[in-house]
PDB file of N, CA and C in Angstrom:
ATOM      1  N   MET A   1      20.544 -77.054-122.159  1.00  0.00           N
ATOM      2  CA  MET A   1      19.875 -77.809-121.113  1.00  0.00           C
ATOM      3  C   MET A   1      18.931 -76.889-120.341  1.00  0.00           C
ATOM      4  N   VAL A   2      17.751 -77.369-120.083  1.00  0.00           N
ATOM      5  CA  VAL A   2      16.764 -76.613-119.316  1.00  0.00           C
ATOM      6  C   VAL A   2      17.216 -76.549-117.857  1.00  0.00           C
ATOM      7  N   PRO A   3      17.167 -75.357-117.205  1.00  0.00           N
ATOM      8  CA  PRO A   3      17.625 -75.235-115.815  1.00  0.00           C
ATOM      9  C   PRO A   3      16.911 -76.147-114.824  1.00  0.00           C
ATOM     10  N   THR A   4      15.710 -76.596-115.146  1.00  0.00           N
ATOM     11  CA  THR A   4      14.974 -77.471-114.232  1.00  0.00           C
ATOM     12  C   THR A   4      15.141 -78.942-114.586  1.00  0.00           C
ATOM     13  N   SER A   5      15.948 -79.248-115.574  1.00  0.00           N
ATOM     14  CA  SER A   5      16.160 -80.633-115.986  1.00  0.00           C
ATOM     15  C   SER A   5      16.696 -81.450-114.819  1.00  0.00           C
ATOM     16  N   GLY A   6      16.117 -82.624-114.610  1.00  0.00           N
ATOM     17  CA  GLY A   6      16.554 -83.495-113.530  1.00  0.00           C
ATOM     18  C   GLY A   6      15.929 -83.180-112.187  1.00  0.00           C
ATOM     19  N   ARG A   7      15.001 -82.254-112.144  1.00  0.00           N
ATOM     20  CA  ARG A   7      14.345 -81.888-110.882  1.00  0.00           C
ATOM     21  C   ARG A   7      12.870 -82.276-110.933  1.00  0.00           C
ATOM     22  N   LEU A   8      12.344 -82.590-109.780  1.00  0.00           N
ATOM     23  CA  LEU A   8      10.904 -82.784-109.624  1.00  0.00           C
ATOM     24  C   LEU A   8      10.376 -81.493-109.003  1.00  0.00           C
ATOM     25  N   LEU A   9       9.595 -80.769-109.726  1.00  0.00           N
ATOM     26  CA  LEU A   9       9.101 -79.479-109.243  1.00  0.00           C
ATOM     27  C   LEU A   9       7.850 -79.703-108.398  1.00  0.00           C
ATOM     28  N   LEU A  10       8.066 -79.861-107.114  1.00  0.00           N
ATOM     29  CA  LEU A  10       7.009 -80.224-106.173  1.00  0.00           C
ATOM     30  C   LEU A  10       6.534 -79.039-105.343  1.00  0.00           C
ATOM     31  N   ALA A  11       6.661 -77.859-105.880  1.00  0.00           N
ATOM     32  CA  ALA A  11       6.277 -76.654-105.150  1.00  0.00           C
ATOM     33  C   ALA A  11       4.766 -76.569-104.982  1.00  0.00           C
ATOM     34  N   PRO A  12       4.325 -75.792-104.001  1.00  0.00           N
ATOM     35  CA  PRO A  12       2.889 -75.577-103.855  1.00  0.00           C
ATOM     36  C   PRO A  12       2.351 -74.739-105.012  1.00  0.00           C
ATOM     37  N   TYR A  13       1.068 -74.863-105.280  1.00  0.00           N
ATOM     38  CA  TYR A  13       0.396 -74.026-106.271  1.00  0.00           C
ATOM     39  C   TYR A  13       0.134 -72.699-105.583  1.00  0.00           C
ATOM     40  N   ASP A  14       1.004 -71.742-105.813  1.00  0.00           N
ATOM     41  CA  ASP A  14       1.034 -70.517-105.011  1.00  0.00           C
ATOM     42  C   ASP A  14       1.028 -69.270-105.896  1.00  0.00           C
ATOM     43  N   LYS A  15       0.876 -68.147-105.246  1.00  0.00           N
ATOM     44  CA  LYS A  15       0.934 -66.828-105.879  1.00  0.00           C
ATOM     45  C   LYS A  15      -0.195 -66.633-106.900  1.00  0.00           C
ATOM     46  N   ARG A  16      -1.381 -67.120-106.564  1.00  0.00           N
ATOM     47  CA  ARG A  16      -2.568 -66.912-107.391  1.00  0.00           C
ATOM     48  C   ARG A  16      -3.514 -65.995-106.618  1.00  0.00           C
ATOM     49  N   GLU A  17      -4.155 -65.093-107.315  1.00  0.00           N
ATOM     50  CA  GLU A  17      -5.039 -64.114-106.688  1.00  0.00           C
ATOM     51  C   GLU A  17      -6.394 -64.711-106.325  1.00  0.00           C
ATOM     52  N   SER A  18      -6.848 -64.405-105.149  1.00  0.00           N
ATOM     53  CA  SER A  18      -8.187 -64.784-104.736  1.00  0.00           C
ATOM     54  C   SER A  18      -9.185 -64.056-105.625  1.00  0.00           C
ATOM     55  N   GLY A  19     -10.217 -64.748-106.070  1.00  0.00           N
ATOM     56  CA  GLY A  19     -11.221 -64.142-106.922  1.00  0.00           C
ATOM     57  C   GLY A  19     -10.866 -64.140-108.398  1.00  0.00           C
ATOM     58  N   LEU A  20      -9.784 -64.817-108.761  1.00  0.00           N
ATOM     59  CA  LEU A  20      -9.349 -64.873-110.149  1.00  0.00           C
ATOM     60  C   LEU A  20     -10.413 -65.483-111.057  1.00  0.00           C
ATOM     61  N   SER A  21     -11.211 -66.374-110.499  1.00  0.00           N
ATOM     62  CA  SER A  21     -12.234 -67.058-111.301  1.00  0.00           C
ATOM     63  C   SER A  21     -13.253 -66.097-111.897  1.00  0.00           C
ATOM     64  N   ALA A  22     -13.403 -64.928-111.328  1.00  0.00           N
ATOM     65  CA  ALA A  22     -14.343 -63.946-111.862  1.00  0.00           C
ATOM     66  C   ALA A  22     -13.848 -63.364-113.191  1.00  0.00           C
ATOM     67  N   HIS A  23     -12.568 -63.571-113.486  1.00  0.00           N
ATOM     68  CA  HIS A  23     -11.972 -62.979-114.683  1.00  0.00           C
ATOM     69  C   HIS A  23     -11.511 -64.007-115.711  1.00  0.00           C
ATOM     70  N   LEU A  24     -11.637 -65.281-115.391  1.00  0.00           N
ATOM     71  CA  LEU A  24     -11.170 -66.337-116.284  1.00  0.00           C
ATOM     72  C   LEU A  24     -12.264 -67.355-116.561  1.00  0.00           C
ATOM     73  N   SER A  25     -12.135 -68.023-117.678  1.00  0.00           N
ATOM     74  CA  SER A  25     -13.065 -69.117-117.956  1.00  0.00           C
ATOM     75  C   SER A  25     -12.387 -70.467-117.765  1.00  0.00           C
ATOM     76  N   GLY A  26     -11.090 -70.469-117.461  1.00  0.00           N
ATOM     77  CA  GLY A  26     -10.377 -71.723-117.220  1.00  0.00           C
ATOM     78  C   GLY A  26      -8.932 -71.466-116.841  1.00  0.00           C
ATOM     79  N   ILE A  27      -8.267 -72.514-116.411  1.00  0.00           N
ATOM     80  CA  ILE A  27      -6.853 -72.461-116.044  1.00  0.00           C
ATOM     81  C   ILE A  27      -6.170 -73.641-116.711  1.00  0.00           C
ATOM     82  N   VAL A  28      -4.997 -73.409-117.246  1.00  0.00           N
ATOM     83  CA  VAL A  28      -4.208 -74.469-117.861  1.00  0.00           C
ATOM     84  C   VAL A  28      -3.146 -74.909-116.864  1.00  0.00           C
ATOM     85  N   ALA A  29      -3.070 -76.200-116.625  1.00  0.00           N
ATOM     86  CA  ALA A  29      -2.029 -76.761-115.761  1.00  0.00           C
ATOM     87  C   ALA A  29      -1.052 -77.529-116.642  1.00  0.00           C
ATOM     88  N   ASN A  30       0.194 -77.541-116.254  1.00  0.00           N
ATOM     89  CA  ASN A  30       1.235 -78.194-117.043  1.00  0.00           C
ATOM     90  C   ASN A  30       1.974 -79.204-116.166  1.00  0.00           C
ATOM     91  N   PRO A  31       1.367 -80.376-115.926  1.00  0.00           N
ATOM     92  CA  PRO A  31       2.040 -81.372-115.092  1.00  0.00           C
ATOM     93  C   PRO A  31       3.296 -81.932-115.768  1.00  0.00           C
ATOM     94  N   MET A  32       4.136 -82.530-114.964  1.00  0.00           N
ATOM     95  CA  MET A  32       5.375 -83.126-115.450  1.00  0.00           C
ATOM     96  C   MET A  32       5.091 -84.471-116.100  1.00  0.00           C
ATOM     97  N   ASN A  33       6.119 -85.071-116.666  1.00  0.00           N
ATOM     98  CA  ASN A  33       5.994 -86.401-117.258  1.00  0.00           C
ATOM     99  C   ASN A  33       5.856 -87.491-116.198  1.00  0.00           C
ATOM    100  N   GLN A  34       6.249 -87.192-114.976  1.00  0.00           N
ATOM    101  CA  GLN A  34       6.174 -88.153-113.877  1.00  0.00           C
ATOM    102  C   GLN A  34       4.773 -88.075-113.263  1.00  0.00           C
ATOM    103  N   PRO A  35       3.917 -89.053-113.517  1.00  0.00           N
ATOM    104  CA  PRO A  35       2.517 -88.935-113.107  1.00  0.00           C
ATOM    105  C   PRO A  35       2.297 -88.803-111.605  1.00  0.00           C
ATOM    106  N   TYR A  36       3.025 -89.542-110.796  1.00  0.00           N
ATOM    107  CA  TYR A  36       2.787 -89.465-109.353  1.00  0.00           C
ATOM    108  C   TYR A  36       3.314 -88.164-108.769  1.00  0.00           C
ATOM    109  N   ALA A  37       4.463 -87.723-109.199  1.00  0.00           N
ATOM    110  CA  ALA A  37       4.994 -86.442-108.732  1.00  0.00           C
ATOM    111  C   ALA A  37       4.104 -85.292-109.197  1.00  0.00           C
ATOM    112  N   SER A  38       3.491 -85.435-110.351  1.00  0.00           N
ATOM    113  CA  SER A  38       2.613 -84.387-110.883  1.00  0.00           C
ATOM    114  C   SER A  38       1.328 -84.246-110.084  1.00  0.00           C
ATOM    115  N   LYS A  39       1.009 -85.240-109.273  1.00  0.00           N
ATOM    116  CA  LYS A  39      -0.201 -85.157-108.464  1.00  0.00           C
ATOM    117  C   LYS A  39      -0.160 -83.964-107.519  1.00  0.00           C
ATOM    118  N   VAL A  40       1.019 -83.538-107.108  1.00  0.00           N
ATOM    119  CA  VAL A  40       1.145 -82.368-106.231  1.00  0.00           C
ATOM    120  C   VAL A  40       0.606 -81.132-106.959  1.00  0.00           C
ATOM    121  N   ALA A  41       1.054 -80.911-108.189  1.00  0.00           N
ATOM    122  CA  ALA A  41       0.599 -79.758-108.971  1.00  0.00           C
ATOM    123  C   ALA A  41      -0.877 -79.874-109.319  1.00  0.00           C
ATOM    124  N   VAL A  42      -1.306 -81.066-109.687  1.00  0.00           N
ATOM    125  CA  VAL A  42      -2.703 -81.273-110.057  1.00  0.00           C
ATOM    126  C   VAL A  42      -3.604 -81.059-108.833  1.00  0.00           C
ATOM    127  N   PHE A  43      -3.192 -81.552-107.681  1.00  0.00           N
ATOM    128  CA  PHE A  43      -3.940 -81.380-106.441  1.00  0.00           C
ATOM    129  C   PHE A  43      -4.106 -79.889-106.134  1.00  0.00           C
ATOM    130  N   GLY A  44      -3.008 -79.132-106.200  1.00  0.00           N
ATOM    131  CA  GLY A  44      -3.053 -77.701-105.913  1.00  0.00           C
ATOM    132  C   GLY A  44      -3.903 -76.935-106.904  1.00  0.00           C
ATOM    133  N   THR A  45      -3.768 -77.272-108.173  1.00  0.00           N
ATOM    134  CA  THR A  45      -4.567 -76.615-109.207  1.00  0.00           C
ATOM    135  C   THR A  45      -6.053 -76.900-108.994  1.00  0.00           C
ATOM    136  N   ALA A  46      -6.378 -78.143-108.712  1.00  0.00           N
ATOM    137  CA  ALA A  46      -7.777 -78.514-108.477  1.00  0.00           C
ATOM    138  C   ALA A  46      -8.327 -77.813-107.245  1.00  0.00           C
ATOM    139  N   ASP A  47      -7.540 -77.757-106.197  1.00  0.00           N
ATOM    140  CA  ASP A  47      -7.969 -77.101-104.960  1.00  0.00           C
ATOM    141  C   ASP A  47      -8.243 -75.612-105.215  1.00  0.00           C
ATOM    142  N   PHE A  48      -7.352 -74.962-105.961  1.00  0.00           N
ATOM    143  CA  PHE A  48      -7.520 -73.551-106.280  1.00  0.00           C
ATOM    144  C   PHE A  48      -8.758 -73.318-107.146  1.00  0.00           C
ATOM    145  N   THR A  49      -8.923 -74.136-108.176  1.00  0.00           N
ATOM    146  CA  THR A  49     -10.042 -73.920-109.088  1.00  0.00           C
ATOM    147  C   THR A  49     -11.386 -74.273-108.451  1.00  0.00           C
ATOM    148  N   TRP A  50     -11.374 -75.136-107.447  1.00  0.00           N
ATOM    149  CA  TRP A  50     -12.611 -75.497-106.754  1.00  0.00           C
ATOM    150  C   TRP A  50     -13.182 -74.281-106.026  1.00  0.00           C
ATOM    151  N   ASN A  51     -12.316 -73.526-105.350  1.00  0.00           N
ATOM    152  CA  ASN A  51     -12.763 -72.341-104.605  1.00  0.00           C
ATOM    153  C   ASN A  51     -11.571 -71.416-104.418  1.00  0.00           C
ATOM    154  N   ASP A  52     -11.305 -70.587-105.422  1.00  0.00           N
ATOM    155  CA  ASP A  52     -10.114 -69.741-105.377  1.00  0.00           C
ATOM    156  C   ASP A  52     -10.166 -68.694-104.263  1.00  0.00           C
ATOM    157  N   LYS A  53     -11.349 -68.317-103.841  1.00  0.00           N
ATOM    158  CA  LYS A  53     -11.455 -67.314-102.771  1.00  0.00           C
ATOM    159  C   LYS A  53     -11.023 -67.876-101.427  1.00  0.00           C
ATOM    160  N   ALA A  54     -11.207 -69.160-101.211  1.00  0.00           N
ATOM    161  CA  ALA A  54     -10.838 -69.786 -99.935  1.00  0.00           C
ATOM    162  C   ALA A  54      -9.512 -70.530-100.017  1.00  0.00           C
ATOM    163  N   TYR A  55      -8.907 -70.587-101.212  1.00  0.00           N
ATOM    164  CA  TYR A  55      -7.683 -71.368-101.403  1.00  0.00           C
ATOM    165  C   TYR A  55      -6.538 -70.824-100.537  1.00  0.00           C
ATOM    166  N   ASP A  56      -5.828 -71.742 -99.904  1.00  0.00           N
ATOM    167  CA  ASP A  56      -4.659 -71.407 -99.094  1.00  0.00           C
ATOM    168  C   ASP A  56      -3.560 -72.416 -99.409  1.00  0.00           C
ATOM    169  N   ALA A  57      -2.545 -71.971-100.131  1.00  0.00           N
ATOM    170  CA  ALA A  57      -1.448 -72.864-100.534  1.00  0.00           C
ATOM    171  C   ALA A  57      -0.758 -73.483 -99.326  1.00  0.00           C
ATOM    172  N   ARG A  58      -0.718 -72.772 -98.216  1.00  0.00           N
ATOM    173  CA  ARG A  58      -0.049 -73.289 -97.010  1.00  0.00           C
ATOM    174  C   ARG A  58      -0.785 -74.482 -96.410  1.00  0.00           C
ATOM    175  N   LYS A  59      -2.061 -74.600 -96.706  1.00  0.00           N
ATOM    176  CA  LYS A  59      -2.844 -75.754 -96.251  1.00  0.00           C
ATOM    177  C   LYS A  59      -2.936 -76.825 -97.336  1.00  0.00           C
ATOM    178  N   SER A  60      -3.052 -76.384 -98.570  1.00  0.00           N
ATOM    179  CA  SER A  60      -3.234 -77.314 -99.683  1.00  0.00           C
ATOM    180  C   SER A  60      -1.989 -78.159 -99.940  1.00  0.00           C
ATOM    181  N   TRP A  61      -0.832 -77.536 -99.912  1.00  0.00           N
ATOM    182  CA  TRP A  61       0.420 -78.246-100.233  1.00  0.00           C
ATOM    183  C   TRP A  61       0.656 -79.432 -99.302  1.00  0.00           C
ATOM    184  N   PRO A  62       0.601 -79.254 -97.975  1.00  0.00           N
ATOM    185  CA  PRO A  62       0.766 -80.424 -97.103  1.00  0.00           C
ATOM    186  C   PRO A  62      -0.304 -81.497 -97.308  1.00  0.00           C
ATOM    187  N   ARG A  63      -1.523 -81.083 -97.639  1.00  0.00           N
ATOM    188  CA  ARG A  63      -2.571 -82.071 -97.914  1.00  0.00           C
ATOM    189  C   ARG A  63      -2.245 -82.868 -99.174  1.00  0.00           C
ATOM    190  N   ALA A  64      -1.698 -82.192-100.178  1.00  0.00           N
ATOM    191  CA  ALA A  64      -1.305 -82.888-101.413  1.00  0.00           C
ATOM    192  C   ALA A  64      -0.204 -83.895-101.120  1.00  0.00           C
ATOM    193  N   MET A  65       0.786 -83.494-100.337  1.00  0.00           N
ATOM    194  CA  MET A  65       1.890 -84.394-100.002  1.00  0.00           C
ATOM    195  C   MET A  65       1.386 -85.568 -99.165  1.00  0.00           C
ATOM    196  N   ALA A  66       0.495 -85.301 -98.219  1.00  0.00           N
ATOM    197  CA  ALA A  66      -0.071 -86.370 -97.396  1.00  0.00           C
ATOM    198  C   ALA A  66      -0.860 -87.355 -98.257  1.00  0.00           C
ATOM    199  N   HIS A  67      -1.570 -86.846 -99.233  1.00  0.00           N
ATOM    200  CA  HIS A  67      -2.320 -87.698-100.155  1.00  0.00           C
ATOM    201  C   HIS A  67      -1.381 -88.647-100.905  1.00  0.00           C
ATOM    202  N   LEU A  68      -0.244 -88.133-101.322  1.00  0.00           N
ATOM    203  CA  LEU A  68       0.725 -88.958-102.060  1.00  0.00           C
ATOM    204  C   LEU A  68       1.225 -90.145-101.252  1.00  0.00           C
ATOM    205  N   VAL A  69       1.353 -89.962 -99.943  1.00  0.00           N
ATOM    206  CA  VAL A  69       1.922 -91.030 -99.109  1.00  0.00           C
ATOM    207  C   VAL A  69       0.862 -91.729 -98.257  1.00  0.00           C
ATOM    208  N   GLY A  70      -0.378 -91.581 -98.639  1.00  0.00           N
ATOM    209  CA  GLY A  70      -1.447 -92.285 -97.941  1.00  0.00           C
ATOM    210  C   GLY A  70      -1.684 -91.816 -96.521  1.00  0.00           C
ATOM    211  N   GLY A  71      -1.320 -90.565 -96.225  1.00  0.00           N
ATOM    212  CA  GLY A  71      -1.584 -90.001 -94.908  1.00  0.00           C
ATOM    213  C   GLY A  71      -0.542 -90.284 -93.842  1.00  0.00           C
ATOM    214  N   ASP A  72       0.512 -91.000 -94.171  1.00  0.00           N
ATOM    215  CA  ASP A  72       1.562 -91.299 -93.194  1.00  0.00           C
ATOM    216  C   ASP A  72       2.256 -89.999 -92.779  1.00  0.00           C
ATOM    217  N   LYS A  73       2.211 -89.679 -91.480  1.00  0.00           N
ATOM    218  CA  LYS A  73       2.727 -88.390 -90.991  1.00  0.00           C
ATOM    219  C   LYS A  73       4.232 -88.239 -91.181  1.00  0.00           C
ATOM    220  N   ALA A  74       4.999 -89.256 -90.871  1.00  0.00           N
ATOM    221  CA  ALA A  74       6.457 -89.176 -91.010  1.00  0.00           C
ATOM    222  C   ALA A  74       6.845 -89.044 -92.490  1.00  0.00           C
ATOM    223  N   ALA A  75       6.170 -89.811 -93.337  1.00  0.00           N
ATOM    224  CA  ALA A  75       6.460 -89.747 -94.772  1.00  0.00           C
ATOM    225  C   ALA A  75       6.032 -88.395 -95.349  1.00  0.00           C
ATOM    226  N   THR A  76       4.929 -87.836 -94.855  1.00  0.00           N
ATOM    227  CA  THR A  76       4.483 -86.513 -95.311  1.00  0.00           C
ATOM    228  C   THR A  76       5.522 -85.467 -94.962  1.00  0.00           C
ATOM    229  N   GLU A  77       6.013 -85.495 -93.735  1.00  0.00           N
ATOM    230  CA  GLU A  77       7.034 -84.527 -93.306  1.00  0.00           C
ATOM    231  C   GLU A  77       8.292 -84.652 -94.156  1.00  0.00           C
ATOM    232  N   ALA A  78       8.717 -85.876 -94.418  1.00  0.00           N
ATOM    233  CA  ALA A  78       9.903 -86.092 -95.255  1.00  0.00           C
ATOM    234  C   ALA A  78       9.662 -85.593 -96.678  1.00  0.00           C
ATOM    235  N   LEU A  79       8.477 -85.847 -97.204  1.00  0.00           N
ATOM    236  CA  LEU A  79       8.167 -85.408 -98.565  1.00  0.00           C
ATOM    237  C   LEU A  79       8.073 -83.887 -98.650  1.00  0.00           C
ATOM    238  N   LEU A  80       7.576 -83.239 -97.609  1.00  0.00           N
ATOM    239  CA  LEU A  80       7.545 -81.775 -97.586  1.00  0.00           C
ATOM    240  C   LEU A  80       8.956 -81.196 -97.614  1.00  0.00           C
ATOM    241  N   ILE A  81       9.863 -81.811 -96.891  1.00  0.00           N
ATOM    242  CA  ILE A  81      11.257 -81.356 -96.907  1.00  0.00           C
ATOM    243  C   ILE A  81      11.862 -81.584 -98.287  1.00  0.00           C
ATOM    244  N   PHE A  82      11.638 -82.768 -98.839  1.00  0.00           N
ATOM    245  CA  PHE A  82      12.143 -83.072-100.174  1.00  0.00           C
ATOM    246  C   PHE A  82      11.564 -82.094-101.207  1.00  0.00           C
ATOM    247  N   GLY A  83      10.264 -81.850-101.144  1.00  0.00           N
ATOM    248  CA  GLY A  83       9.625 -80.918-102.069  1.00  0.00           C
ATOM    249  C   GLY A  83      10.172 -79.518-101.939  1.00  0.00           C
ATOM    250  N   ASP A  84      10.465 -79.115-100.727  1.00  0.00           N
ATOM    251  CA  ASP A  84      11.041 -77.797-100.484  1.00  0.00           C
ATOM    252  C   ASP A  84      12.425 -77.688-101.130  1.00  0.00           C
ATOM    253  N   LEU A  85      13.219 -78.733-101.000  1.00  0.00           N
ATOM    254  CA  LEU A  85      14.552 -78.726-101.615  1.00  0.00           C
ATOM    255  C   LEU A  85      14.467 -78.727-103.135  1.00  0.00           C
ATOM    256  N   GLU A  86      13.548 -79.498-103.674  1.00  0.00           N
ATOM    257  CA  GLU A  86      13.389 -79.556-105.125  1.00  0.00           C
ATOM    258  C   GLU A  86      12.802 -78.265-105.682  1.00  0.00           C
ATOM    259  N   HIS A  87      12.051 -77.552-104.868  1.00  0.00           N
ATOM    260  CA  HIS A  87      11.450 -76.290-105.301  1.00  0.00           C
ATOM    261  C   HIS A  87      12.521 -75.234-105.568  1.00  0.00           C
ATOM    262  N   LEU A  88      13.636 -75.346-104.936  1.00  0.00           N
ATOM    263  CA  LEU A  88      14.688 -74.347-105.106  1.00  0.00           C
ATOM    264  C   LEU A  88      15.406 -74.536-106.436  1.00  0.00           C
ATOM    265  N   ALA A  89      14.642 -74.616-107.504  1.00  0.00           N
ATOM    266  CA  ALA A  89      15.183 -74.791-108.846  1.00  0.00           C
ATOM    267  C   ALA A  89      15.756 -73.461-109.348  1.00  0.00           C
ATOM    268  N   PRO A  90      16.747 -73.516-110.217  1.00  0.00           N
ATOM    269  CA  PRO A  90      17.372 -72.290-110.726  1.00  0.00           C
ATOM    270  C   PRO A  90      16.405 -71.319-111.395  1.00  0.00           C
ATOM    271  N   THR A  91      15.314 -71.806-111.938  1.00  0.00           N
ATOM    272  CA  THR A  91      14.374 -70.916-112.618  1.00  0.00           C
ATOM    273  C   THR A  91      13.604 -70.035-111.651  1.00  0.00           C
ATOM    274  N   PHE A  92      13.672 -70.319-110.363  1.00  0.00           N
ATOM    275  CA  PHE A  92      12.947 -69.525-109.382  1.00  0.00           C
ATOM    276  C   PHE A  92      13.810 -68.416-108.798  1.00  0.00           C
ATOM    277  N   GLY A  93      14.970 -68.141-109.388  1.00  0.00           N
ATOM    278  CA  GLY A  93      15.827 -67.067-108.908  1.00  0.00           C
ATOM    279  C   GLY A  93      16.731 -67.533-107.788  1.00  0.00           C
ATOM    280  N   SER A  94      17.355 -66.570-107.144  1.00  0.00           N
ATOM    281  CA  SER A  94      18.347 -66.884-106.116  1.00  0.00           C
ATOM    282  C   SER A  94      17.716 -67.354-104.812  1.00  0.00           C
ATOM    283  N   CYS A  95      16.446 -67.033-104.610  1.00  0.00           N
ATOM    284  CA  CYS A  95      15.792 -67.492-103.370  1.00  0.00           C
ATOM    285  C   CYS A  95      14.493 -68.174-103.719  1.00  0.00           C
ATOM    286  N   GLY A  96      14.370 -69.407-103.304  1.00  0.00           N
ATOM    287  CA  GLY A  96      13.147 -70.156-103.553  1.00  0.00           C
ATOM    288  C   GLY A  96      12.084 -69.775-102.548  1.00  0.00           C
ATOM    289  N   ALA A  97      10.966 -70.442-102.626  1.00  0.00           N
ATOM    290  CA  ALA A  97       9.853 -70.129-101.736  1.00  0.00           C
ATOM    291  C   ALA A  97      10.179 -70.474-100.291  1.00  0.00           C
ATOM    292  N   GLY A  98      10.951 -71.523-100.099  1.00  0.00           N
ATOM    293  CA  GLY A  98      11.271 -71.941 -98.739  1.00  0.00           C
ATOM    294  C   GLY A  98      10.080 -72.560 -98.050  1.00  0.00           C
ATOM    295  N   ARG A  99      10.346 -73.275 -97.016  1.00  0.00           N
ATOM    296  CA  ARG A  99       9.285 -73.925 -96.239  1.00  0.00           C
ATOM    297  C   ARG A  99       8.572 -72.904 -95.419  1.00  0.00           C
ATOM    298  N   TRP A 100       7.260 -73.042 -95.334  1.00  0.00           N
ATOM    299  CA  TRP A 100       6.483 -72.078 -94.561  1.00  0.00           C
ATOM    300  C   TRP A 100       6.534 -72.424 -93.139  1.00  0.00           C
TER     301      TRP A 100
END
């Protein structure tokens, strides 16, 4: 069984170097089978590839979550908490990214 089986990996698109675009001709994203949950990863990847020098995962992730819930503030906050809990998947080691 895959350690992430049964989890929605809703983590921010993080730990990418600013200026990476100067060394690459493209980026491969691997969204999940769940199309709506995958919008978080796709949103972050698109935001990073649009302007990797200005990309900030701490700003992009909440915007992605807000987009999923149509901008509802209470639902965004709840989804950020849920995403944070789901991010703590076993494949990320003993300590997950945690909420910023």
